[in-house]
Each structure stands twice: as structure tokens, then as C-alpha cells.
Amino acid sequence: MRQAQGNLSDGDVDYICCHGLRTHNAGAVLYFLREKDLPSQDKKNARVLRLVNVAVLVSPDGSVSITTYRNPDALRDYKRKPKYGRYSTDAS
């Protein structure tokens, strides 16, 4: 549903997961496509350029796409996310 709202196809999500930066945190994997991650042959392709600053949150095993969203600060915000749950006693 969220993917359709963002006008992203399955191929778009696959492209982001293939070329985007991959980072792990809080039991999930985030793929984030930055402009500098684009291959040189795709830097002038309008269809690919619209995928810049799109984040794809995936389950730890990579089998399920949890959500997709556009946010230029998504990578920074995700890295600041606590590693433990909000009410966990392990974080102290």
C-alpha cells in the first residue's frame, strides 16, 4: 500500500535495494538511495533520478518490504534511532 502511494514499482524498490546504501538498526534493514550511489550511466535518467532520497525499510532477512518513503534526511534519522526498544531495560 505505502509503495503504491509513493508511486514506486517493484522494479524501483529492487533498484534501490541493489544500488542504495544498506544499513542495519533496530532489527531491520534500511536501503537508502543517494545521488552519489547512482551508476554514471543512470545519472541522466529521469526515471532513476526520481528515486534519489527514497528509503526502503526491509525485514532483517530481506524477504518483506516493511515500508517505503521519501525523505532526504532518512539516513541520518535512521542512524540516530535507538538500538533498543523504547521501554527496554537493556539500553541502560
Foldseek 3Di string as FASTA:
>chain_A
DQCVVVVHDPVLVVVQVVQFDWDDAQQKIKGAAALVSDDPVCNPPPVNVVRHQKMWIAGNVRPGTPHIDHDNCVVVVRVPDDRDDPPDPVSD
